[in-house]
Amino acid sequence: MTNQLLSSSTIAGDSVKNRQGEELGNIEDLMVDVSSGKVEYAVLSFGGFLGLGDKYFAIPFNQLGVDHKNHCMILNVDKERLKDAPGFDKDNWPNFADPSFRNSVNTYYGHV
């Protein structure tokens, strides 16, 4: 298998769907661990209407797949489960380096 690379600008703004084809939201940003250079989390917006009332979620990047044909990301999470995921307000971002925040997110998605 050949490694595939995507630019961050290609991923930002992409829609995210689950395996059932339900729309889950859009990628707002990517969080990069500057010491390793690895993308750790994608920030997903979900639940609002026209950008109002959106809740943001940190998704461990390795939980996302790419659907090249439909130009979207795939997250294997039921829409109802996502509603209960640890999230945050778009105007009040958490400290992604905080071990307790990272632990709660990683545990929720089974990424330990």
N, C-alpha and C. Protein backbone atom coordinates (compact mmCIF):
# COMPACT_ATOMS: atom_id res chain seq x y z
N MET A 1 0.84 -1.18 0.00
CA MET A 1 0.00 0.00 0.00
C MET A 1 0.89 1.25 0.00
N THR A 2 0.50 2.23 -0.76
CA THR A 2 1.23 3.48 -0.85
C THR A 2 0.64 4.47 0.15
N ASN A 3 1.53 5.23 0.81
CA ASN A 3 1.05 6.27 1.70
C ASN A 3 0.36 7.34 0.88
N GLN A 4 -0.73 7.87 1.42
CA GLN A 4 -1.42 8.96 0.77
C GLN A 4 -1.34 10.17 1.66
N LEU A 5 -1.10 11.31 1.07
CA LEU A 5 -1.00 12.54 1.82
C LEU A 5 -2.10 13.50 1.37
N LEU A 6 -2.69 14.17 2.34
CA LEU A 6 -3.69 15.20 2.07
C LEU A 6 -3.24 16.47 2.77
N SER A 7 -3.45 17.59 2.14
CA SER A 7 -3.10 18.85 2.78
C SER A 7 -4.16 19.19 3.83
N SER A 8 -3.75 19.96 4.83
CA SER A 8 -4.72 20.35 5.87
C SER A 8 -5.84 21.17 5.28
N SER A 9 -5.56 21.98 4.26
CA SER A 9 -6.61 22.78 3.65
C SER A 9 -7.61 21.91 2.89
N THR A 10 -7.17 20.74 2.45
CA THR A 10 -8.08 19.81 1.79
C THR A 10 -9.04 19.19 2.80
N ILE A 11 -8.54 18.91 4.00
CA ILE A 11 -9.35 18.25 5.03
C ILE A 11 -10.26 19.24 5.74
N ALA A 12 -9.74 20.44 6.04
CA ALA A 12 -10.56 21.45 6.73
C ALA A 12 -11.76 21.80 5.85
N GLY A 13 -12.92 21.76 6.45
CA GLY A 13 -14.15 22.04 5.72
C GLY A 13 -14.82 20.80 5.18
N ASP A 14 -14.10 19.67 5.15
CA ASP A 14 -14.71 18.43 4.66
C ASP A 14 -15.90 18.03 5.52
N SER A 15 -16.88 17.46 4.89
CA SER A 15 -18.00 16.91 5.65
C SER A 15 -17.57 15.58 6.25
N VAL A 16 -18.20 15.23 7.35
CA VAL A 16 -17.94 13.96 8.03
C VAL A 16 -19.26 13.21 8.10
N LYS A 17 -19.21 11.96 7.68
CA LYS A 17 -20.38 11.10 7.72
C LYS A 17 -20.03 9.84 8.48
N ASN A 18 -21.06 9.15 8.98
CA ASN A 18 -20.80 7.85 9.59
C ASN A 18 -20.99 6.77 8.53
N ARG A 19 -20.77 5.54 8.90
CA ARG A 19 -20.86 4.44 7.93
C ARG A 19 -22.27 4.24 7.39
N GLN A 20 -23.26 4.78 8.10
CA GLN A 20 -24.65 4.68 7.63
C GLN A 20 -24.98 5.81 6.64
N GLY A 21 -24.02 6.70 6.40
CA GLY A 21 -24.23 7.80 5.46
C GLY A 21 -24.85 9.04 6.08
N GLU A 22 -25.03 9.03 7.42
CA GLU A 22 -25.60 10.20 8.09
C GLU A 22 -24.55 11.30 8.19
N GLU A 23 -24.97 12.52 7.93
CA GLU A 23 -24.09 13.68 8.04
C GLU A 23 -23.84 13.98 9.51
N LEU A 24 -22.56 14.04 9.91
CA LEU A 24 -22.20 14.31 11.31
C LEU A 24 -21.70 15.73 11.52
N GLY A 25 -21.25 16.39 10.49
CA GLY A 25 -20.74 17.74 10.63
C GLY A 25 -19.61 18.00 9.66
N ASN A 26 -18.75 18.95 10.04
CA ASN A 26 -17.62 19.34 9.20
C ASN A 26 -16.34 19.45 10.03
N ILE A 27 -15.22 19.19 9.37
CA ILE A 27 -13.92 19.38 10.01
C ILE A 27 -13.64 20.88 10.05
N GLU A 28 -13.42 21.40 11.23
CA GLU A 28 -13.11 22.82 11.40
C GLU A 28 -11.62 23.08 11.44
N ASP A 29 -10.88 22.15 12.05
CA ASP A 29 -9.45 22.38 12.22
C ASP A 29 -8.77 21.06 12.53
N LEU A 30 -7.45 21.07 12.48
CA LEU A 30 -6.64 19.91 12.84
C LEU A 30 -5.69 20.34 13.94
N MET A 31 -5.49 19.46 14.92
CA MET A 31 -4.58 19.74 16.03
C MET A 31 -3.34 18.86 15.85
N VAL A 32 -2.19 19.52 15.74
CA VAL A 32 -0.92 18.85 15.45
C VAL A 32 -0.04 18.87 16.69
N ASP A 33 0.52 17.72 17.04
CA ASP A 33 1.51 17.64 18.10
C ASP A 33 2.82 18.13 17.50
N VAL A 34 3.26 19.30 17.93
CA VAL A 34 4.44 19.90 17.29
C VAL A 34 5.73 19.14 17.58
N SER A 35 5.76 18.37 18.67
CA SER A 35 6.99 17.62 18.95
C SER A 35 7.13 16.40 18.05
N SER A 36 6.01 15.80 17.66
CA SER A 36 6.08 14.61 16.80
C SER A 36 5.72 14.92 15.35
N GLY A 37 5.02 16.04 15.13
CA GLY A 37 4.56 16.36 13.79
C GLY A 37 3.31 15.60 13.38
N LYS A 38 2.73 14.87 14.30
CA LYS A 38 1.58 14.01 14.02
C LYS A 38 0.27 14.76 14.27
N VAL A 39 -0.68 14.59 13.37
CA VAL A 39 -2.02 15.12 13.60
C VAL A 39 -2.68 14.25 14.66
N GLU A 40 -3.02 14.86 15.78
CA GLU A 40 -3.61 14.11 16.90
C GLU A 40 -5.13 14.11 16.86
N TYR A 41 -5.72 15.27 16.56
CA TYR A 41 -7.18 15.41 16.60
C TYR A 41 -7.68 16.22 15.42
N ALA A 42 -8.87 15.88 14.98
CA ALA A 42 -9.63 16.73 14.07
C ALA A 42 -10.72 17.37 14.92
N VAL A 43 -10.99 18.63 14.69
CA VAL A 43 -12.07 19.32 15.40
C VAL A 43 -13.29 19.29 14.50
N LEU A 44 -14.34 18.66 14.99
CA LEU A 44 -15.58 18.47 14.25
C LEU A 44 -16.65 19.39 14.79
N SER A 45 -17.33 20.12 13.90
CA SER A 45 -18.49 20.91 14.32
C SER A 45 -19.74 20.08 14.02
N PHE A 46 -20.69 20.12 14.94
CA PHE A 46 -21.87 19.26 14.83
C PHE A 46 -23.04 19.90 15.57
N GLY A 47 -24.22 19.77 15.00
CA GLY A 47 -25.43 20.05 15.74
C GLY A 47 -26.07 21.40 15.57
N GLY A 48 -25.44 22.31 14.89
CA GLY A 48 -26.03 23.63 14.75
C GLY A 48 -26.75 23.78 13.42
N PHE A 49 -27.15 25.02 13.16
CA PHE A 49 -27.81 25.34 11.90
C PHE A 49 -27.16 26.61 11.36
N LEU A 50 -26.57 26.53 10.17
CA LEU A 50 -25.87 27.65 9.55
C LEU A 50 -24.80 28.24 10.45
N GLY A 51 -24.10 27.36 11.19
CA GLY A 51 -23.01 27.79 12.04
C GLY A 51 -23.43 28.27 13.42
N LEU A 52 -24.72 28.33 13.69
CA LEU A 52 -25.21 28.77 14.99
C LEU A 52 -25.56 27.57 15.85
N GLY A 53 -25.08 27.58 17.08
CA GLY A 53 -25.39 26.49 18.00
C GLY A 53 -24.56 25.25 17.82
N ASP A 54 -23.55 25.34 16.96
CA ASP A 54 -22.67 24.19 16.76
C ASP A 54 -21.95 23.85 18.06
N LYS A 55 -21.78 22.58 18.27
CA LYS A 55 -20.92 22.09 19.34
C LYS A 55 -19.69 21.53 18.64
N TYR A 56 -18.53 21.71 19.23
CA TYR A 56 -17.29 21.22 18.65
C TYR A 56 -16.82 20.00 19.42
N PHE A 57 -16.19 19.08 18.70
CA PHE A 57 -15.69 17.84 19.28
C PHE A 57 -14.27 17.59 18.80
N ALA A 58 -13.43 17.13 19.70
CA ALA A 58 -12.10 16.66 19.34
C ALA A 58 -12.23 15.18 19.02
N ILE A 59 -11.87 14.82 17.81
CA ILE A 59 -11.94 13.43 17.36
C ILE A 59 -10.52 12.93 17.17
N PRO A 60 -10.11 11.85 17.85
CA PRO A 60 -8.78 11.30 17.58
C PRO A 60 -8.65 11.04 16.08
N PHE A 61 -7.62 11.59 15.48
CA PHE A 61 -7.51 11.57 14.03
C PHE A 61 -7.50 10.16 13.46
N ASN A 62 -6.95 9.22 14.21
CA ASN A 62 -6.90 7.85 13.69
C ASN A 62 -8.28 7.17 13.67
N GLN A 63 -9.29 7.82 14.21
CA GLN A 63 -10.65 7.29 14.17
C GLN A 63 -11.37 7.66 12.87
N LEU A 64 -10.75 8.54 12.08
CA LEU A 64 -11.35 8.99 10.83
C LEU A 64 -10.79 8.22 9.64
N GLY A 65 -11.67 7.93 8.72
CA GLY A 65 -11.27 7.34 7.45
C GLY A 65 -11.57 8.34 6.34
N VAL A 66 -11.07 8.07 5.16
CA VAL A 66 -11.27 8.96 4.02
C VAL A 66 -12.10 8.24 2.97
N ASP A 67 -13.14 8.90 2.52
CA ASP A 67 -13.95 8.42 1.40
C ASP A 67 -13.57 9.30 0.21
N HIS A 68 -12.58 8.84 -0.58
CA HIS A 68 -12.08 9.64 -1.69
C HIS A 68 -13.15 9.87 -2.75
N LYS A 69 -13.97 8.87 -2.98
CA LYS A 69 -14.99 8.96 -4.03
C LYS A 69 -15.98 10.08 -3.73
N ASN A 70 -16.41 10.20 -2.48
CA ASN A 70 -17.42 11.20 -2.11
C ASN A 70 -16.81 12.44 -1.45
N HIS A 71 -15.48 12.50 -1.43
CA HIS A 71 -14.74 13.63 -0.86
C HIS A 71 -15.26 14.02 0.52
N CYS A 72 -15.20 13.04 1.43
CA CYS A 72 -15.61 13.30 2.81
C CYS A 72 -14.82 12.39 3.74
N MET A 73 -14.93 12.68 5.01
CA MET A 73 -14.29 11.86 6.03
C MET A 73 -15.36 10.93 6.61
N ILE A 74 -14.94 9.77 7.09
CA ILE A 74 -15.85 8.79 7.69
C ILE A 74 -15.46 8.60 9.14
N LEU A 75 -16.45 8.72 10.02
CA LEU A 75 -16.28 8.47 11.45
C LEU A 75 -17.29 7.42 11.83
N ASN A 76 -16.83 6.28 12.32
CA ASN A 76 -17.72 5.18 12.64
C ASN A 76 -18.35 5.37 14.02
N VAL A 77 -19.20 6.40 14.13
CA VAL A 77 -19.89 6.70 15.38
C VAL A 77 -21.34 7.01 15.05
N ASP A 78 -22.23 6.42 15.82
CA ASP A 78 -23.65 6.71 15.66
C ASP A 78 -23.92 8.17 16.01
N LYS A 79 -24.82 8.79 15.27
CA LYS A 79 -25.14 10.21 15.48
C LYS A 79 -25.57 10.49 16.92
N GLU A 80 -26.35 9.60 17.51
CA GLU A 80 -26.81 9.79 18.90
C GLU A 80 -25.66 9.70 19.89
N ARG A 81 -24.71 8.83 19.63
CA ARG A 81 -23.53 8.71 20.51
C ARG A 81 -22.69 9.97 20.44
N LEU A 82 -22.58 10.56 19.27
CA LEU A 82 -21.79 11.77 19.12
C LEU A 82 -22.36 12.91 19.96
N LYS A 83 -23.67 12.95 20.10
CA LYS A 83 -24.30 14.01 20.90
C LYS A 83 -23.83 13.99 22.35
N ASP A 84 -23.43 12.82 22.84
CA ASP A 84 -23.00 12.68 24.24
C ASP A 84 -21.48 12.74 24.40
N ALA A 85 -20.76 12.92 23.31
CA ALA A 85 -19.29 12.95 23.36
C ALA A 85 -18.82 14.21 24.07
N PRO A 86 -17.61 14.17 24.66
CA PRO A 86 -17.06 15.37 25.27
C PRO A 86 -16.86 16.43 24.18
N GLY A 87 -17.47 17.58 24.38
CA GLY A 87 -17.39 18.64 23.38
C GLY A 87 -17.09 19.98 24.02
N PHE A 88 -17.07 21.00 23.19
CA PHE A 88 -16.78 22.35 23.68
C PHE A 88 -17.41 23.37 22.76
N ASP A 89 -17.49 24.59 23.23
CA ASP A 89 -18.06 25.70 22.49
C ASP A 89 -17.01 26.27 21.55
N LYS A 90 -17.43 26.71 20.37
CA LYS A 90 -16.46 27.22 19.40
C LYS A 90 -15.71 28.46 19.87
N ASP A 91 -16.24 29.15 20.87
CA ASP A 91 -15.57 30.34 21.41
C ASP A 91 -14.80 30.05 22.69
N ASN A 92 -14.77 28.79 23.11
CA ASN A 92 -14.09 28.42 24.36
C ASN A 92 -13.41 27.07 24.19
N TRP A 93 -12.29 27.07 23.48
CA TRP A 93 -11.57 25.83 23.17
C TRP A 93 -10.82 25.34 24.40
N PRO A 94 -10.77 24.03 24.58
CA PRO A 94 -10.01 23.46 25.69
C PRO A 94 -8.51 23.49 25.40
N ASN A 95 -7.74 23.19 26.41
CA ASN A 95 -6.31 23.03 26.26
C ASN A 95 -6.07 21.59 25.79
N PHE A 96 -5.76 21.43 24.52
CA PHE A 96 -5.57 20.09 23.96
C PHE A 96 -4.35 19.38 24.54
N ALA A 97 -3.46 20.10 25.19
CA ALA A 97 -2.30 19.48 25.81
C ALA A 97 -2.61 18.98 27.22
N ASP A 98 -3.75 19.35 27.77
CA ASP A 98 -4.14 18.93 29.11
C ASP A 98 -4.40 17.42 29.13
N PRO A 99 -3.63 16.67 29.92
CA PRO A 99 -3.80 15.21 29.95
C PRO A 99 -5.21 14.75 30.31
N SER A 100 -5.90 15.47 31.19
CA SER A 100 -7.26 15.04 31.56
C SER A 100 -8.23 15.21 30.39
N PHE A 101 -8.07 16.28 29.61
CA PHE A 101 -8.91 16.46 28.43
C PHE A 101 -8.63 15.37 27.41
N ARG A 102 -7.36 15.14 27.13
CA ARG A 102 -6.98 14.12 26.15
C ARG A 102 -7.46 12.74 26.58
N ASN A 103 -7.34 12.45 27.87
CA ASN A 103 -7.77 11.15 28.39
C ASN A 103 -9.28 10.96 28.22
N SER A 104 -10.06 12.00 28.54
CA SER A 104 -11.52 11.86 28.41
C SER A 104 -11.94 11.64 26.95
N VAL A 105 -11.31 12.37 26.04
CA VAL A 105 -11.63 12.20 24.61
C VAL A 105 -11.18 10.84 24.11
N ASN A 106 -9.95 10.47 24.40
CA ASN A 106 -9.43 9.19 23.92
C ASN A 106 -10.19 8.01 24.49
N THR A 107 -10.57 8.09 25.76
CA THR A 107 -11.36 7.01 26.37
C THR A 107 -12.74 6.90 25.72
N TYR A 108 -13.37 8.04 25.46
CA TYR A 108 -14.71 8.02 24.86
C TYR A 108 -14.71 7.32 23.51
N TYR A 109 -13.67 7.55 22.73
CA TYR A 109 -13.61 6.94 21.39
C TYR A 109 -12.83 5.64 21.36
N GLY A 110 -12.44 5.13 22.55
CA GLY A 110 -11.75 3.85 22.60
C GLY A 110 -10.33 3.91 22.08
N HIS A 111 -9.74 5.09 22.12
CA HIS A 111 -8.37 5.29 21.63
C HIS A 111 -7.49 5.51 22.86
N VAL A 112 -6.95 4.44 23.39
CA VAL A 112 -6.16 4.55 24.62
C VAL A 112 -4.69 4.36 24.32
